[in-house]
């Protein structure tokens, strides 16, 4: 799953909005959660963390104010997660701040 997330190269999609990323990623994320959530829930901890870190990396490439500031980008992702918890499937299905 982590290889699949890396292969998406989200950070190179800086011309996409956060909503576009959610539309593209959510079907795959839901499938993983439906399958592994029933049998191997602890495997999803790493997936959630990886997804949120990749979103932080995307924010670094998208917004100048985050370039070279991974911590700020991750804080921003946390804020978006609190404001819009239904945007990404893993935020809905894995509530809390387990990802970051």
PDB file of N, CA and C in Angstrom:
ATOM      1  N   UNK A   1       0.830  -1.190   0.000  1.00  0.00           N
ATOM      2  CA  UNK A   1       0.000   0.000   0.000  1.00  0.00           C
ATOM      3  C   UNK A   1       0.874   1.254   0.000  1.00  0.00           C
ATOM      4  N   UNK A   2       1.950   1.221   0.803  1.00  0.00           N
ATOM      5  CA  UNK A   2       2.830   2.389   0.827  1.00  0.00           C
ATOM      6  C   UNK A   2       3.510   2.611  -0.516  1.00  0.00           C
ATOM      7  N   UNK A   3       3.856   1.517  -1.212  1.00  0.00           N
ATOM      8  CA  UNK A   3       4.437   1.660  -2.546  1.00  0.00           C
ATOM      9  C   UNK A   3       3.434   2.284  -3.500  1.00  0.00           C
ATOM     10  N   UNK A   4       2.194   1.883  -3.384  1.00  0.00           N
ATOM     11  CA  UNK A   4       1.142   2.452  -4.239  1.00  0.00           C
ATOM     12  C   UNK A   4       0.993   3.951  -3.978  1.00  0.00           C
ATOM     13  N   UNK A   5       1.017   4.345  -2.716  1.00  0.00           N
ATOM     14  CA  UNK A   5       0.894   5.761  -2.361  1.00  0.00           C
ATOM     15  C   UNK A   5       2.070   6.544  -2.936  1.00  0.00           C
ATOM     16  N   UNK A   6       3.277   6.002  -2.803  1.00  0.00           N
ATOM     17  CA  UNK A   6       4.450   6.679  -3.362  1.00  0.00           C
ATOM     18  C   UNK A   6       4.360   6.774  -4.875  1.00  0.00           C
ATOM     19  N   UNK A   7       3.812   5.750  -5.514  1.00  0.00           N
ATOM     20  CA  UNK A   7       3.729   5.763  -6.976  1.00  0.00           C
ATOM     21  C   UNK A   7       2.759   6.829  -7.496  1.00  0.00           C
ATOM     22  N   UNK A   8       1.839   7.279  -6.659  1.00  0.00           N
ATOM     23  CA  UNK A   8       0.924   8.340  -7.073  1.00  0.00           C
ATOM     24  C   UNK A   8       1.649   9.665  -7.281  1.00  0.00           C
ATOM     25  N   UNK A   9       2.791   9.839  -6.618  1.00  0.00           N
ATOM     26  CA  UNK A   9       3.597  11.061  -6.720  1.00  0.00           C
ATOM     27  C   UNK A   9       2.737  12.318  -6.531  1.00  0.00           C
ATOM     28  N   UNK A  10       2.043  12.343  -5.423  1.00  0.00           N
ATOM     29  CA  UNK A  10       1.136  13.454  -5.136  1.00  0.00           C
ATOM     30  C   UNK A  10       1.844  14.801  -5.158  1.00  0.00           C
ATOM     31  N   UNK A  11       3.091  14.833  -4.702  1.00  0.00           N
ATOM     32  CA  UNK A  11       3.805  16.109  -4.641  1.00  0.00           C
ATOM     33  C   UNK A  11       4.030  16.715  -6.025  1.00  0.00           C
ATOM     34  N   UNK A  12       3.968  15.905  -7.066  1.00  0.00           N
ATOM     35  CA  UNK A  12       4.128  16.424  -8.422  1.00  0.00           C
ATOM     36  C   UNK A  12       2.814  16.938  -9.007  1.00  0.00           C
ATOM     37  N   UNK A  13       1.746  16.785  -8.283  1.00  0.00           N
ATOM     38  CA  UNK A  13       0.429  17.242  -8.744  1.00  0.00           C
ATOM     39  C   UNK A  13       0.068  18.574  -8.082  1.00  0.00           C
ATOM     40  N   UNK A  14       1.015  19.468  -8.063  1.00  0.00           N
ATOM     41  CA  UNK A  14       0.789  20.751  -7.391  1.00  0.00           C
ATOM     42  C   UNK A  14      -0.201  21.627  -8.147  1.00  0.00           C
ATOM     43  N   UNK A  15      -0.533  21.258  -9.371  1.00  0.00           N
ATOM     44  CA  UNK A  15      -1.542  22.012 -10.107  1.00  0.00           C
ATOM     45  C   UNK A  15      -2.958  21.547  -9.751  1.00  0.00           C
ATOM     46  N   UNK A  16      -3.078  20.475  -8.974  1.00  0.00           N
ATOM     47  CA  UNK A  16      -4.379  19.977  -8.535  1.00  0.00           C
ATOM     48  C   UNK A  16      -4.766  20.637  -7.217  1.00  0.00           C
ATOM     49  N   UNK A  17      -6.057  20.743  -6.993  1.00  0.00           N
ATOM     50  CA  UNK A  17      -6.527  21.231  -5.698  1.00  0.00           C
ATOM     51  C   UNK A  17      -6.616  20.048  -4.733  1.00  0.00           C
ATOM     52  N   UNK A  18      -6.806  20.350  -3.484  1.00  0.00           N
ATOM     53  CA  UNK A  18      -6.938  19.302  -2.469  1.00  0.00           C
ATOM     54  C   UNK A  18      -8.174  18.441  -2.748  1.00  0.00           C
ATOM     55  N   UNK A  19      -9.223  19.060  -3.242  1.00  0.00           N
ATOM     56  CA  UNK A  19     -10.436  18.327  -3.578  1.00  0.00           C
ATOM     57  C   UNK A  19     -10.187  17.364  -4.732  1.00  0.00           C
ATOM     58  N   UNK A  20      -9.388  17.784  -5.733  1.00  0.00           N
ATOM     59  CA  UNK A  20      -9.046  16.899  -6.845  1.00  0.00           C
ATOM     60  C   UNK A  20      -8.267  15.680  -6.358  1.00  0.00           C
ATOM     61  N   UNK A  21      -7.342  15.912  -5.435  1.00  0.00           N
ATOM     62  CA  UNK A  21      -6.583  14.796  -4.868  1.00  0.00           C
ATOM     63  C   UNK A  21      -7.513  13.826  -4.148  1.00  0.00           C
ATOM     64  N   UNK A  22      -8.457  14.372  -3.402  1.00  0.00           N
ATOM     65  CA  UNK A  22      -9.396  13.530  -2.662  1.00  0.00           C
ATOM     66  C   UNK A  22     -10.235  12.689  -3.621  1.00  0.00           C
ATOM     67  N   UNK A  23     -10.692  13.294  -4.696  1.00  0.00           N
ATOM     68  CA  UNK A  23     -11.507  12.561  -5.675  1.00  0.00           C
ATOM     69  C   UNK A  23     -10.703  11.431  -6.301  1.00  0.00           C
ATOM     70  N   UNK A  24      -9.429  11.684  -6.578  1.00  0.00           N
ATOM     71  CA  UNK A  24      -8.590  10.673  -7.213  1.00  0.00           C
ATOM     72  C   UNK A  24      -8.207   9.546  -6.260  1.00  0.00           C
ATOM     73  N   UNK A  25      -7.965   9.862  -5.005  1.00  0.00           N
ATOM     74  CA  UNK A  25      -7.442   8.879  -4.046  1.00  0.00           C
ATOM     75  C   UNK A  25      -8.513   8.125  -3.280  1.00  0.00           C
ATOM     76  N   UNK A  26      -9.639   8.736  -3.039  1.00  0.00           N
ATOM     77  CA  UNK A  26     -10.635   8.150  -2.142  1.00  0.00           C
ATOM     78  C   UNK A  26     -11.126   6.759  -2.532  1.00  0.00           C
ATOM     79  N   UNK A  27     -11.381   6.451  -3.816  1.00  0.00           N
ATOM     80  CA  UNK A  27     -11.845   5.087  -4.119  1.00  0.00           C
ATOM     81  C   UNK A  27     -10.844   4.010  -3.701  1.00  0.00           C
ATOM     82  N   UNK A  28      -9.575   4.249  -3.923  1.00  0.00           N
ATOM     83  CA  UNK A  28      -8.549   3.275  -3.548  1.00  0.00           C
ATOM     84  C   UNK A  28      -8.449   3.170  -2.027  1.00  0.00           C
ATOM     85  N   UNK A  29      -8.463   4.313  -1.357  1.00  0.00           N
ATOM     86  CA  UNK A  29      -8.364   4.320   0.104  1.00  0.00           C
ATOM     87  C   UNK A  29      -9.547   3.581   0.720  1.00  0.00           C
ATOM     88  N   UNK A  30     -10.741   3.820   0.200  1.00  0.00           N
ATOM     89  CA  UNK A  30     -11.933   3.131   0.725  1.00  0.00           C
ATOM     90  C   UNK A  30     -11.808   1.622   0.544  1.00  0.00           C
ATOM     91  N   UNK A  31     -11.308   1.204  -0.605  1.00  0.00           N
ATOM     92  CA  UNK A  31     -11.126  -0.225  -0.847  1.00  0.00           C
ATOM     93  C   UNK A  31     -10.176  -0.842   0.152  1.00  0.00           C
ATOM     94  N   UNK A  32      -9.058  -0.179   0.423  1.00  0.00           N
ATOM     95  CA  UNK A  32      -8.100  -0.687   1.408  1.00  0.00           C
ATOM     96  C   UNK A  32      -8.738  -0.782   2.784  1.00  0.00           C
ATOM     97  N   UNK A  33      -9.481   0.256   3.155  1.00  0.00           N
ATOM     98  CA  UNK A  33     -10.088   0.261   4.485  1.00  0.00           C
ATOM     99  C   UNK A  33     -11.184  -0.794   4.595  1.00  0.00           C
ATOM    100  N   UNK A  34     -11.927  -0.997   3.530  1.00  0.00           N
ATOM    101  CA  UNK A  34     -12.965  -2.030   3.576  1.00  0.00           C
ATOM    102  C   UNK A  34     -12.362  -3.421   3.714  1.00  0.00           C
ATOM    103  N   UNK A  35     -11.262  -3.674   3.000  1.00  0.00           N
ATOM    104  CA  UNK A  35     -10.657  -4.996   3.047  1.00  0.00           C
ATOM    105  C   UNK A  35      -9.814  -5.189   4.303  1.00  0.00           C
ATOM    106  N   UNK A  36      -8.816  -4.352   4.484  1.00  0.00           N
ATOM    107  CA  UNK A  36      -7.893  -4.527   5.604  1.00  0.00           C
ATOM    108  C   UNK A  36      -8.503  -4.129   6.947  1.00  0.00           C
ATOM    109  N   UNK A  37      -9.491  -3.265   6.910  1.00  0.00           N
ATOM    110  CA  UNK A  37     -10.137  -2.857   8.153  1.00  0.00           C
ATOM    111  C   UNK A  37     -10.832  -4.006   8.857  1.00  0.00           C
ATOM    112  N   UNK A  38     -11.241  -4.993   8.090  1.00  0.00           N
ATOM    113  CA  UNK A  38     -11.914  -6.151   8.676  1.00  0.00           C
ATOM    114  C   UNK A  38     -10.941  -7.183   9.219  1.00  0.00           C
ATOM    115  N   UNK A  39      -9.765  -7.275   8.600  1.00  0.00           N
ATOM    116  CA  UNK A  39      -8.847  -8.356   8.926  1.00  0.00           C
ATOM    117  C   UNK A  39      -7.555  -7.924   9.609  1.00  0.00           C
ATOM    118  N   UNK A  40      -7.069  -6.754   9.254  1.00  0.00           N
ATOM    119  CA  UNK A  40      -5.736  -6.370   9.715  1.00  0.00           C
ATOM    120  C   UNK A  40      -5.710  -4.866   9.945  1.00  0.00           C
ATOM    121  N   UNK A  41      -6.489  -4.439  10.906  1.00  0.00           N
ATOM    122  CA  UNK A  41      -6.703  -3.017  11.170  1.00  0.00           C
ATOM    123  C   UNK A  41      -5.401  -2.277  11.498  1.00  0.00           C
ATOM    124  N   UNK A  42      -4.478  -2.943  12.180  1.00  0.00           N
ATOM    125  CA  UNK A  42      -3.243  -2.265  12.573  1.00  0.00           C
ATOM    126  C   UNK A  42      -2.367  -1.920  11.374  1.00  0.00           C
ATOM    127  N   UNK A  43      -2.539  -2.601  10.255  1.00  0.00           N
ATOM    128  CA  UNK A  43      -1.770  -2.284   9.047  1.00  0.00           C
ATOM    129  C   UNK A  43      -2.150  -0.914   8.509  1.00  0.00           C
ATOM    130  N   UNK A  44      -3.322  -0.458   8.863  1.00  0.00           N
ATOM    131  CA  UNK A  44      -3.801   0.823   8.354  1.00  0.00           C
ATOM    132  C   UNK A  44      -3.154   2.012   9.050  1.00  0.00           C
ATOM    133  N   UNK A  45      -2.550   1.804  10.220  1.00  0.00           N
ATOM    134  CA  UNK A  45      -1.871   2.900  10.917  1.00  0.00           C
ATOM    135  C   UNK A  45      -0.786   3.511  10.036  1.00  0.00           C
ATOM    136  N   UNK A  46       0.036   2.659   9.462  1.00  0.00           N
ATOM    137  CA  UNK A  46       1.112   3.142   8.596  1.00  0.00           C
ATOM    138  C   UNK A  46       0.570   3.803   7.337  1.00  0.00           C
ATOM    139  N   UNK A  47      -0.515   3.270   6.810  1.00  0.00           N
ATOM    140  CA  UNK A  47      -1.104   3.827   5.592  1.00  0.00           C
ATOM    141  C   UNK A  47      -1.630   5.231   5.847  1.00  0.00           C
ATOM    142  N   UNK A  48      -2.320   5.406   6.960  1.00  0.00           N
ATOM    143  CA  UNK A  48      -2.857   6.726   7.317  1.00  0.00           C
ATOM    144  C   UNK A  48      -1.713   7.724   7.499  1.00  0.00           C
ATOM    145  N   UNK A  49      -0.678   7.306   8.193  1.00  0.00           N
ATOM    146  CA  UNK A  49       0.484   8.177   8.408  1.00  0.00           C
ATOM    147  C   UNK A  49       1.140   8.553   7.081  1.00  0.00           C
ATOM    148  N   UNK A  50       1.323   7.566   6.217  1.00  0.00           N
ATOM    149  CA  UNK A  50       1.950   7.808   4.917  1.00  0.00           C
ATOM    150  C   UNK A  50       1.112   8.755   4.060  1.00  0.00           C
ATOM    151  N   UNK A  51      -0.193   8.563   4.053  1.00  0.00           N
ATOM    152  CA  UNK A  51      -1.068   9.439   3.275  1.00  0.00           C
ATOM    153  C   UNK A  51      -0.974  10.884   3.754  1.00  0.00           C
ATOM    154  N   UNK A  52      -1.019  11.074   5.063  1.00  0.00           N
ATOM    155  CA  UNK A  52      -0.961  12.430   5.598  1.00  0.00           C
ATOM    156  C   UNK A  52       0.410  13.069   5.360  1.00  0.00           C
ATOM    157  N   UNK A  53       1.467  12.274   5.462  1.00  0.00           N
ATOM    158  CA  UNK A  53       2.797  12.825   5.168  1.00  0.00           C
ATOM    159  C   UNK A  53       2.920  13.213   3.694  1.00  0.00           C
ATOM    160  N   UNK A  54       2.345  12.417   2.829  1.00  0.00           N
ATOM    161  CA  UNK A  54       2.368  12.743   1.392  1.00  0.00           C
ATOM    162  C   UNK A  54       1.538  13.985   1.089  1.00  0.00           C
ATOM    163  N   UNK A  55       0.464  14.167   1.824  1.00  0.00           N
ATOM    164  CA  UNK A  55      -0.320  15.396   1.654  1.00  0.00           C
ATOM    165  C   UNK A  55       0.480  16.606   2.127  1.00  0.00           C
ATOM    166  N   UNK A  56       1.262  16.428   3.189  1.00  0.00           N
ATOM    167  CA  UNK A  56       2.144  17.501   3.643  1.00  0.00           C
ATOM    168  C   UNK A  56       3.189  17.828   2.599  1.00  0.00           C
ATOM    169  N   UNK A  57       3.743  16.800   1.966  1.00  0.00           N
ATOM    170  CA  UNK A  57       4.733  17.003   0.902  1.00  0.00           C
ATOM    171  C   UNK A  57       4.091  17.731  -0.280  1.00  0.00           C
ATOM    172  N   UNK A  58       2.844  17.368  -0.593  1.00  0.00           N
ATOM    173  CA  UNK A  58       2.114  18.051  -1.660  1.00  0.00           C
ATOM    174  C   UNK A  58       1.954  19.534  -1.324  1.00  0.00           C
ATOM    175  N   UNK A  59       1.615  19.830  -0.068  1.00  0.00           N
ATOM    176  CA  UNK A  59       1.440  21.223   0.353  1.00  0.00           C
ATOM    177  C   UNK A  59       2.752  21.991   0.236  1.00  0.00           C
ATOM    178  N   UNK A  60       3.870  21.329   0.513  1.00  0.00           N
ATOM    179  CA  UNK A  60       5.174  21.990   0.374  1.00  0.00           C
ATOM    180  C   UNK A  60       5.437  22.403  -1.068  1.00  0.00           C
ATOM    181  N   UNK A  61       5.037  21.565  -1.995  1.00  0.00           N
ATOM    182  CA  UNK A  61       5.256  21.885  -3.411  1.00  0.00           C
ATOM    183  C   UNK A  61       4.206  22.862  -3.932  1.00  0.00           C
ATOM    184  N   UNK A  62       3.017  22.821  -3.373  1.00  0.00           N
ATOM    185  CA  UNK A  62       1.915  23.663  -3.857  1.00  0.00           C
ATOM    186  C   UNK A  62       2.038  25.108  -3.375  1.00  0.00           C
ATOM    187  N   UNK A  63       2.395  25.294  -2.118  1.00  0.00           N
ATOM    188  CA  UNK A  63       2.390  26.623  -1.520  1.00  0.00           C
ATOM    189  C   UNK A  63       3.807  27.047  -1.142  1.00  0.00           C
ATOM    190  N   UNK A  64       4.196  28.224  -1.584  1.00  0.00           N
ATOM    191  CA  UNK A  64       5.550  28.724  -1.334  1.00  0.00           C
ATOM    192  C   UNK A  64       5.861  28.838   0.154  1.00  0.00           C
ATOM    193  N   UNK A  65       4.875  29.182   0.943  1.00  0.00           N
ATOM    194  CA  UNK A  65       5.139  29.417   2.368  1.00  0.00           C
ATOM    195  C   UNK A  65       5.545  28.144   3.101  1.00  0.00           C
ATOM    196  N   UNK A  66       5.315  26.976   2.505  1.00  0.00           N
ATOM    197  CA  UNK A  66       5.669  25.719   3.142  1.00  0.00           C
ATOM    198  C   UNK A  66       6.963  25.117   2.601  1.00  0.00           C
ATOM    199  N   UNK A  67       7.544  25.710   1.579  1.00  0.00           N
ATOM    200  CA  UNK A  67       8.751  25.121   0.984  1.00  0.00           C
ATOM    201  C   UNK A  67       9.869  25.066   2.007  1.00  0.00           C
ATOM    202  N   UNK A  68      10.374  23.879   2.235  1.00  0.00           N
ATOM    203  CA  UNK A  68      11.438  23.693   3.207  1.00  0.00           C
ATOM    204  C   UNK A  68      10.958  23.673   4.645  1.00  0.00           C
ATOM    205  N   UNK A  69       9.652  23.693   4.838  1.00  0.00           N
ATOM    206  CA  UNK A  69       9.080  23.705   6.187  1.00  0.00           C
ATOM    207  C   UNK A  69       8.068  22.565   6.322  1.00  0.00           C
ATOM    208  N   UNK A  70       8.572  21.366   6.409  1.00  0.00           N
ATOM    209  CA  UNK A  70       7.701  20.186   6.490  1.00  0.00           C
ATOM    210  C   UNK A  70       6.777  20.248   7.699  1.00  0.00           C
ATOM    211  N   UNK A  71       7.301  20.740   8.805  1.00  0.00           N
ATOM    212  CA  UNK A  71       6.489  20.828  10.018  1.00  0.00           C
ATOM    213  C   UNK A  71       5.282  21.726   9.842  1.00  0.00           C
ATOM    214  N   UNK A  72       5.498  22.855   9.195  1.00  0.00           N
ATOM    215  CA  UNK A  72       4.365  23.767   8.930  1.00  0.00           C
ATOM    216  C   UNK A  72       3.346  23.126   7.998  1.00  0.00           C
ATOM    217  N   UNK A  73       3.838  22.412   6.995  1.00  0.00           N
ATOM    218  CA  UNK A  73       2.937  21.766   6.039  1.00  0.00           C
ATOM    219  C   UNK A  73       2.101  20.700   6.741  1.00  0.00           C
ATOM    220  N   UNK A  74       2.721  19.940   7.631  1.00  0.00           N
ATOM    221  CA  UNK A  74       1.992  18.908   8.356  1.00  0.00           C
ATOM    222  C   UNK A  74       0.971  19.538   9.301  1.00  0.00           C
ATOM    223  N   UNK A  75       1.331  20.641   9.940  1.00  0.00           N
ATOM    224  CA  UNK A  75       0.356  21.358  10.780  1.00  0.00           C
ATOM    225  C   UNK A  75      -0.834  21.824   9.956  1.00  0.00           C
ATOM    226  N   UNK A  76      -0.555  22.278   8.743  1.00  0.00           N
ATOM    227  CA  UNK A  76      -1.619  22.738   7.857  1.00  0.00           C
ATOM    228  C   UNK A  76      -2.549  21.575   7.511  1.00  0.00           C
ATOM    229  N   UNK A  77      -1.966  20.403   7.223  1.00  0.00           N
ATOM    230  CA  UNK A  77      -2.786  19.222   6.921  1.00  0.00           C
ATOM    231  C   UNK A  77      -3.651  18.866   8.122  1.00  0.00           C
ATOM    232  N   UNK A  78      -3.086  18.949   9.328  1.00  0.00           N
ATOM    233  CA  UNK A  78      -3.875  18.700  10.541  1.00  0.00           C
ATOM    234  C   UNK A  78      -5.050  19.659  10.635  1.00  0.00           C
ATOM    235  N   UNK A  79      -4.807  20.928  10.327  1.00  0.00           N
ATOM    236  CA  UNK A  79      -5.876  21.924  10.369  1.00  0.00           C
ATOM    237  C   UNK A  79      -6.973  21.631   9.365  1.00  0.00           C
ATOM    238  N   UNK A  80      -6.572  21.235   8.166  1.00  0.00           N
ATOM    239  CA  UNK A  80      -7.565  20.877   7.145  1.00  0.00           C
ATOM    240  C   UNK A  80      -8.351  19.665   7.603  1.00  0.00           C
ATOM    241  N   UNK A  81      -7.655  18.728   8.220  1.00  0.00           N
ATOM    242  CA  UNK A  81      -8.324  17.523   8.716  1.00  0.00           C
ATOM    243  C   UNK A  81      -9.379  17.869   9.754  1.00  0.00           C
ATOM    244  N   UNK A  82      -9.084  18.839  10.615  1.00  0.00           N
ATOM    245  CA  UNK A  82     -10.063  19.259  11.625  1.00  0.00           C
ATOM    246  C   UNK A  82     -11.228  20.025  11.001  1.00  0.00           C
ATOM    247  N   UNK A  83     -10.921  20.887  10.029  1.00  0.00           N
ATOM    248  CA  UNK A  83     -11.960  21.705   9.399  1.00  0.00           C
ATOM    249  C   UNK A  83     -12.842  20.907   8.454  1.00  0.00           C
ATOM    250  N   UNK A  84     -12.251  19.970   7.714  1.00  0.00           N
ATOM    251  CA  UNK A  84     -12.996  19.202   6.714  1.00  0.00           C
ATOM    252  C   UNK A  84     -12.739  17.710   6.892  1.00  0.00           C
ATOM    253  N   UNK A  85     -13.269  17.114   7.945  1.00  0.00           N
ATOM    254  CA  UNK A  85     -12.962  15.710   8.231  1.00  0.00           C
ATOM    255  C   UNK A  85     -13.531  14.722   7.221  1.00  0.00           C
ATOM    256  N   UNK A  86     -14.395  15.164   6.343  1.00  0.00           N
ATOM    257  CA  UNK A  86     -14.985  14.246   5.365  1.00  0.00           C
ATOM    258  C   UNK A  86     -14.337  14.356   3.989  1.00  0.00           C
ATOM    259  N   UNK A  87     -13.269  15.131   3.873  1.00  0.00           N
ATOM    260  CA  UNK A  87     -12.647  15.338   2.574  1.00  0.00           C
ATOM    261  C   UNK A  87     -11.970  14.069   2.069  1.00  0.00           C
ATOM    262  N   UNK A  88     -11.132  13.452   2.876  1.00  0.00           N
ATOM    263  CA  UNK A  88     -10.442  12.224   2.489  1.00  0.00           C
ATOM    264  C   UNK A  88     -11.059  11.045   3.223  1.00  0.00           C
ATOM    265  N   UNK A  89     -11.104   9.911   2.542  1.00  0.00           N
ATOM    266  CA  UNK A  89     -11.742   8.721   3.111  1.00  0.00           C
ATOM    267  C   UNK A  89     -11.044   8.264   4.384  1.00  0.00           C
ATOM    268  N   UNK A  90      -9.724   8.351   4.429  1.00  0.00           N
ATOM    269  CA  UNK A  90      -9.035   7.876   5.637  1.00  0.00           C
ATOM    270  C   UNK A  90      -9.267   8.801   6.819  1.00  0.00           C
ATOM    271  N   UNK A  91      -9.659  10.030   6.584  1.00  0.00           N
ATOM    272  CA  UNK A  91     -10.007  10.924   7.681  1.00  0.00           C
ATOM    273  C   UNK A  91     -11.371  10.556   8.234  1.00  0.00           C
ATOM    274  N   UNK A  92     -12.277  10.104   7.368  1.00  0.00           N
ATOM    275  CA  UNK A  92     -13.607   9.699   7.814  1.00  0.00           C
ATOM    276  C   UNK A  92     -13.556   8.364   8.538  1.00  0.00           C
ATOM    277  N   UNK A  93     -12.825   7.419   7.955  1.00  0.00           N
ATOM    278  CA  UNK A  93     -12.830   6.048   8.447  1.00  0.00           C
ATOM    279  C   UNK A  93     -11.850   5.800   9.578  1.00  0.00           C
ATOM    280  N   UNK A  94     -10.937   6.735   9.793  1.00  0.00           N
ATOM    281  CA  UNK A  94      -9.912   6.611  10.829  1.00  0.00           C
ATOM    282  C   UNK A  94      -9.846   7.925  11.574  1.00  0.00           C
ATOM    283  N   UNK A  95     -10.868   8.220  12.385  1.00  0.00           N
ATOM    284  CA  UNK A  95     -10.924   9.531  13.030  1.00  0.00           C
ATOM    285  C   UNK A  95      -9.791   9.746  14.034  1.00  0.00           C
ATOM    286  N   UNK A  96      -9.587  10.979  14.349  1.00  0.00           N
ATOM    287  CA  UNK A  96      -8.527  11.321  15.281  1.00  0.00           C
ATOM    288  C   UNK A  96      -7.293  11.783  14.528  1.00  0.00           C
ATOM    289  N   UNK A  97      -6.218  11.929  15.225  1.00  0.00           N
ATOM    290  CA  UNK A  97      -4.974  12.400  14.607  1.00  0.00           C
ATOM    291  C   UNK A  97      -3.961  11.283  14.496  1.00  0.00           C
ATOM    292  N   UNK A  98      -4.427  10.082  14.205  1.00  0.00           N
ATOM    293  CA  UNK A  98      -3.539   8.927  14.136  1.00  0.00           C
ATOM    294  C   UNK A  98      -2.505   9.087  13.029  1.00  0.00           C
ATOM    295  N   UNK A  99      -2.867   9.824  11.982  1.00  0.00           N
ATOM    296  CA  UNK A  99      -1.963   9.959  10.849  1.00  0.00           C
ATOM    297  C   UNK A  99      -0.736  10.793  11.161  1.00  0.00           C
ATOM    298  N   UNK A 100      -0.889  11.818  11.961  1.00  0.00           N
ATOM    299  CA  UNK A 100       0.237  12.715  12.216  1.00  0.00           C
ATOM    300  C   UNK A 100       0.482  12.865  13.684  1.00  0.00           C
TER     301      UNK A 100
END
